[in-house]
């Protein structure tokens, strides 16, 4: 049996727990949710509902043979930081794909990624490792979403579009076909990317234009 540890017990960590506990692996006893790893030992105090314990900090945890991890940190940079920390300790990662997502059978999805319910991915898409794809997001054919990227709800990527490493697309933003955003970019809510965006750029609007942030 695999023992899942969720790195992060704040809002996104609790959402991940809520999704994973309904999976066939957990229901059928193939995997148990062992607990959270978080530096804030009282992060779950006073909340409604029952949660597994916060065991210790990610820094202090020693990886055991049957452990598997999910890094539930919404910020792409912190997600990368803790994923690399766990990987350096010898840990492996759980990939979540909701049964309510429509994912083409030839999609490539990296380790540690999360694909939420009511999202969809068309033919020949590639998602890197530790990508978050929130609900109602849509990926057209031949799109690429690189490592640690975050697609918030209702994002849309047209055919052959690309999202760079550590980049974030905010709710209801979109990229038209064949356009790309570079690494470490942020696309503002409701924006439409109509031309390629360079690395380390924040854009907003329709069409999306560079802003100082």
Protein backbone atom coordinates (compact mmCIF):
# COMPACT_ATOMS: atom_id res chain seq x y z
CA UNK A 1 0.00 0.00 0.00
CA UNK A 2 1.18 3.50 -0.84
CA UNK A 3 1.15 6.17 1.86
CA UNK A 4 0.39 9.63 0.50
CA UNK A 5 1.80 12.72 2.16
CA UNK A 6 0.44 16.09 1.07
CA UNK A 7 3.01 18.86 1.30
CA UNK A 8 1.02 21.90 2.45
CA UNK A 9 -2.00 21.91 4.77
CA UNK A 10 -3.39 25.32 3.81
CA UNK A 11 -6.25 26.00 1.41
CA UNK A 12 -4.90 24.23 -1.66
CA UNK A 13 -3.66 21.31 0.40
CA UNK A 14 -7.13 20.80 1.85
CA UNK A 15 -8.65 20.93 -1.64
CA UNK A 16 -6.20 18.28 -2.82
CA UNK A 17 -7.08 16.12 0.17
CA UNK A 18 -10.79 16.47 -0.62
CA UNK A 19 -10.23 15.32 -4.19
CA UNK A 20 -7.79 12.48 -3.51
CA UNK A 21 -9.83 10.87 -0.73
CA UNK A 22 -12.55 10.13 -3.31
CA UNK A 23 -10.23 8.31 -5.72
CA UNK A 24 -10.50 4.56 -6.36
CA UNK A 25 -6.97 4.05 -4.95
CA UNK A 26 -8.07 5.36 -1.55
CA UNK A 27 -11.57 3.87 -1.56
CA UNK A 28 -10.25 0.42 -2.55
CA UNK A 29 -7.46 0.49 0.02
CA UNK A 30 -4.58 0.68 -2.44
CA UNK A 31 -3.39 3.99 -0.98
CA UNK A 32 -3.92 5.76 2.31
CA UNK A 33 -3.57 9.48 2.98
CA UNK A 34 -0.98 9.44 5.75
CA UNK A 35 -1.09 13.13 6.54
CA UNK A 36 0.22 16.60 5.76
CA UNK A 37 3.69 18.09 5.92
CA UNK A 38 3.59 21.74 6.92
CA UNK A 39 5.66 24.20 8.94
CA UNK A 40 2.50 25.56 10.59
CA UNK A 41 1.54 22.84 13.05
CA UNK A 42 -1.85 24.40 13.82
CA UNK A 43 -2.88 25.06 10.19
CA UNK A 44 -5.92 22.78 10.54
CA UNK A 45 -7.06 23.99 13.94
CA UNK A 46 -10.62 25.31 14.15
CA UNK A 47 -11.69 24.09 10.72
CA UNK A 48 -14.92 22.23 10.06
CA UNK A 49 -14.35 18.64 8.99
CA UNK A 50 -11.95 15.82 9.70
CA UNK A 51 -8.43 15.83 8.31
CA UNK A 52 -5.39 13.59 8.63
CA UNK A 53 -2.68 14.94 10.94
CA UNK A 54 0.08 17.40 10.23
CA UNK A 55 3.02 15.09 10.83
CA UNK A 56 5.93 17.55 10.76
CA UNK A 57 7.64 20.01 8.45
CA UNK A 58 8.75 18.90 4.97
CA UNK A 59 12.31 19.64 6.03
CA UNK A 60 12.14 17.24 8.97
CA UNK A 61 10.34 14.35 7.29
CA UNK A 62 12.33 11.20 6.48
CA UNK A 63 11.09 9.40 3.38
CA UNK A 64 9.98 5.79 3.90
CA UNK A 65 9.91 3.10 1.17
CA UNK A 66 6.13 3.14 0.54
CA UNK A 67 5.69 6.92 0.74
CA UNK A 68 4.42 8.98 -2.16
CA UNK A 69 4.04 12.75 -2.15
CA UNK A 70 1.93 15.52 -3.60
CA UNK A 71 3.16 19.11 -3.33
CA UNK A 72 0.01 21.15 -2.76
CA UNK A 73 1.37 24.67 -2.94
CA UNK A 74 -0.39 27.07 -5.27
CA UNK A 75 2.62 29.31 -5.83
CA UNK A 76 4.68 27.80 -8.64
CA UNK A 77 8.03 28.80 -7.15
CA UNK A 78 7.31 27.30 -3.74
CA UNK A 79 5.94 24.19 -5.45
CA UNK A 80 9.26 23.80 -7.26
CA UNK A 81 11.24 24.45 -4.07
CA UNK A 82 9.50 21.73 -2.06
CA UNK A 83 9.25 19.26 -4.94
CA UNK A 84 13.01 19.46 -5.40
CA UNK A 85 13.52 19.08 -1.66
CA UNK A 86 11.40 15.91 -1.53
CA UNK A 87 13.01 14.55 -4.70
CA UNK A 88 16.48 15.08 -3.21
CA UNK A 89 15.39 12.89 -0.27
CA UNK A 90 14.41 10.11 -2.68
CA UNK A 91 10.67 10.77 -2.75
CA UNK A 92 8.31 10.09 -5.66
CA UNK A 93 5.14 11.94 -6.53
CA UNK A 94 1.46 11.20 -6.98
CA UNK A 95 -0.33 12.41 -10.11
CA UNK A 96 -4.02 13.22 -9.79
CA UNK A 97 -6.41 13.12 -12.76
CA UNK A 98 -10.06 13.59 -11.90
CA UNK A 99 -12.41 10.96 -13.33
CA UNK A 100 -14.57 13.91 -14.36
CA UNK A 101 -11.82 15.37 -16.58
CA UNK A 102 -11.82 14.67 -20.34
CA UNK A 103 -8.23 13.76 -21.16
CA UNK A 104 -7.24 12.34 -24.53
CA UNK A 105 -5.63 8.91 -24.30
CA UNK A 106 -2.40 10.09 -25.94
CA UNK A 107 -1.81 12.97 -23.53
CA UNK A 108 1.55 13.05 -21.74
CA UNK A 109 1.24 14.12 -18.10
CA UNK A 110 4.21 14.65 -15.82
CA UNK A 111 4.67 13.29 -12.31
CA UNK A 112 3.09 15.27 -9.49
CA UNK A 113 0.56 17.13 -11.65
CA UNK A 114 -3.09 17.79 -10.79
CA UNK A 115 -5.92 17.82 -13.35
CA UNK A 116 -9.18 18.95 -11.84
CA UNK A 117 -12.74 17.91 -12.60
CA UNK A 118 -14.42 19.39 -15.68
CA UNK A 119 -11.17 20.26 -17.40
CA UNK A 120 -10.29 18.89 -20.82
CA UNK A 121 -7.20 18.16 -22.89
CA UNK A 122 -7.31 17.39 -26.61
CA UNK A 123 -5.01 15.37 -28.87
CA UNK A 124 -1.25 15.14 -28.33
CA UNK A 125 -0.92 17.56 -25.42
CA UNK A 126 2.10 17.60 -23.09
CA UNK A 127 1.93 18.60 -19.44
CA UNK A 128 5.17 18.79 -17.51
CA UNK A 129 5.73 17.77 -13.90
CA UNK A 130 3.94 19.46 -10.98
CA UNK A 131 1.50 21.31 -13.23
CA UNK A 132 -1.82 22.43 -11.74
CA UNK A 133 -4.80 22.50 -14.11
CA UNK A 134 -7.90 23.82 -12.36
CA UNK A 135 -11.52 23.14 -13.25
CA UNK A 136 -13.03 24.10 -16.62
CA UNK A 137 -9.61 24.66 -18.20
CA UNK A 138 -9.29 23.57 -21.83
CA UNK A 139 -6.17 22.56 -23.76
CA UNK A 140 -6.38 22.41 -27.55
CA UNK A 141 -4.48 19.88 -29.64
CA UNK A 142 -0.67 19.85 -29.53
CA UNK A 143 -0.42 22.30 -26.65
CA UNK A 144 2.50 22.25 -24.21
CA UNK A 145 2.39 23.27 -20.53
CA UNK A 146 5.84 23.13 -18.97
CA UNK A 147 6.96 22.17 -15.45
CA UNK A 148 5.42 23.93 -12.43
CA UNK A 149 2.98 25.97 -14.49
CA UNK A 150 -0.42 26.87 -13.05
CA UNK A 151 -3.63 27.10 -15.07
CA UNK A 152 -6.43 28.58 -12.99
CA UNK A 153 -10.12 27.98 -13.69
CA UNK A 154 -11.55 28.58 -17.17
CA UNK A 155 -8.20 29.08 -18.90
CA UNK A 156 -7.99 28.17 -22.59
CA UNK A 157 -5.04 27.24 -24.79
CA UNK A 158 -5.59 27.07 -28.54
CA UNK A 159 -3.88 24.49 -30.72
CA UNK A 160 -0.06 24.47 -30.54
CA UNK A 161 -0.04 27.10 -27.77
CA UNK A 162 2.63 26.87 -25.08
CA UNK A 163 2.95 27.90 -21.42
CA UNK A 164 6.47 28.16 -20.01
CA UNK A 165 7.99 26.80 -16.82
CA UNK A 166 6.74 28.43 -13.58
CA UNK A 167 4.19 30.54 -15.46
CA UNK A 168 0.66 31.24 -14.26
CA UNK A 169 -2.52 31.85 -16.25
CA UNK A 170 -5.21 33.47 -14.13
CA UNK A 171 -8.95 32.70 -14.41
CA UNK A 172 -10.60 33.11 -17.83
CA UNK A 173 -7.34 33.98 -19.57
CA UNK A 174 -6.52 32.45 -22.94
CA UNK A 175 -3.79 31.99 -25.53
CA UNK A 176 -4.80 31.93 -29.19
CA UNK A 177 -3.43 29.09 -31.38
CA UNK A 178 0.32 28.92 -32.06
CA UNK A 179 1.24 31.58 -29.48
CA UNK A 180 3.54 31.09 -26.50
CA UNK A 181 4.23 32.61 -23.12
CA UNK A 182 7.73 32.19 -21.76
CA UNK A 183 9.04 31.05 -18.39
CA UNK A 184 8.03 32.76 -15.15
CA UNK A 185 5.22 34.77 -16.76
CA UNK A 186 1.86 35.83 -15.36
CA UNK A 187 -1.23 36.32 -17.53
CA UNK A 188 -3.88 38.42 -15.81
CA UNK A 189 -7.48 37.32 -15.34
CA UNK A 190 -9.59 37.62 -18.48
CA UNK A 191 -6.60 38.42 -20.71
CA UNK A 192 -6.14 37.20 -24.30
CA UNK A 193 -2.59 36.45 -25.42
CA UNK A 194 -2.38 37.23 -29.15
CA UNK A 195 1.40 37.36 -29.58
CA UNK A 196 4.37 35.56 -28.02
CA UNK A 197 5.32 36.74 -24.53
CA UNK A 198 8.95 36.85 -23.37
CA UNK A 199 10.24 35.28 -20.16
CA UNK A 200 9.62 37.05 -16.84
CA UNK A 201 6.76 39.18 -18.17
CA UNK A 202 3.39 40.05 -16.63
CA UNK A 203 0.62 40.81 -19.11
CA UNK A 204 -2.97 41.98 -18.80
CA UNK A 205 -5.80 42.92 -21.16
CA UNK A 206 -7.40 42.18 -24.51
CA UNK A 207 -5.04 41.92 -26.26
CA UNK A 208 -2.64 41.15 -23.41
CA UNK A 209 0.05 43.79 -22.96
CA UNK A 210 3.03 44.04 -20.64
CA UNK A 211 2.42 45.67 -17.27
CA UNK A 212 4.71 46.64 -14.41
CA UNK A 213 3.93 44.47 -11.40
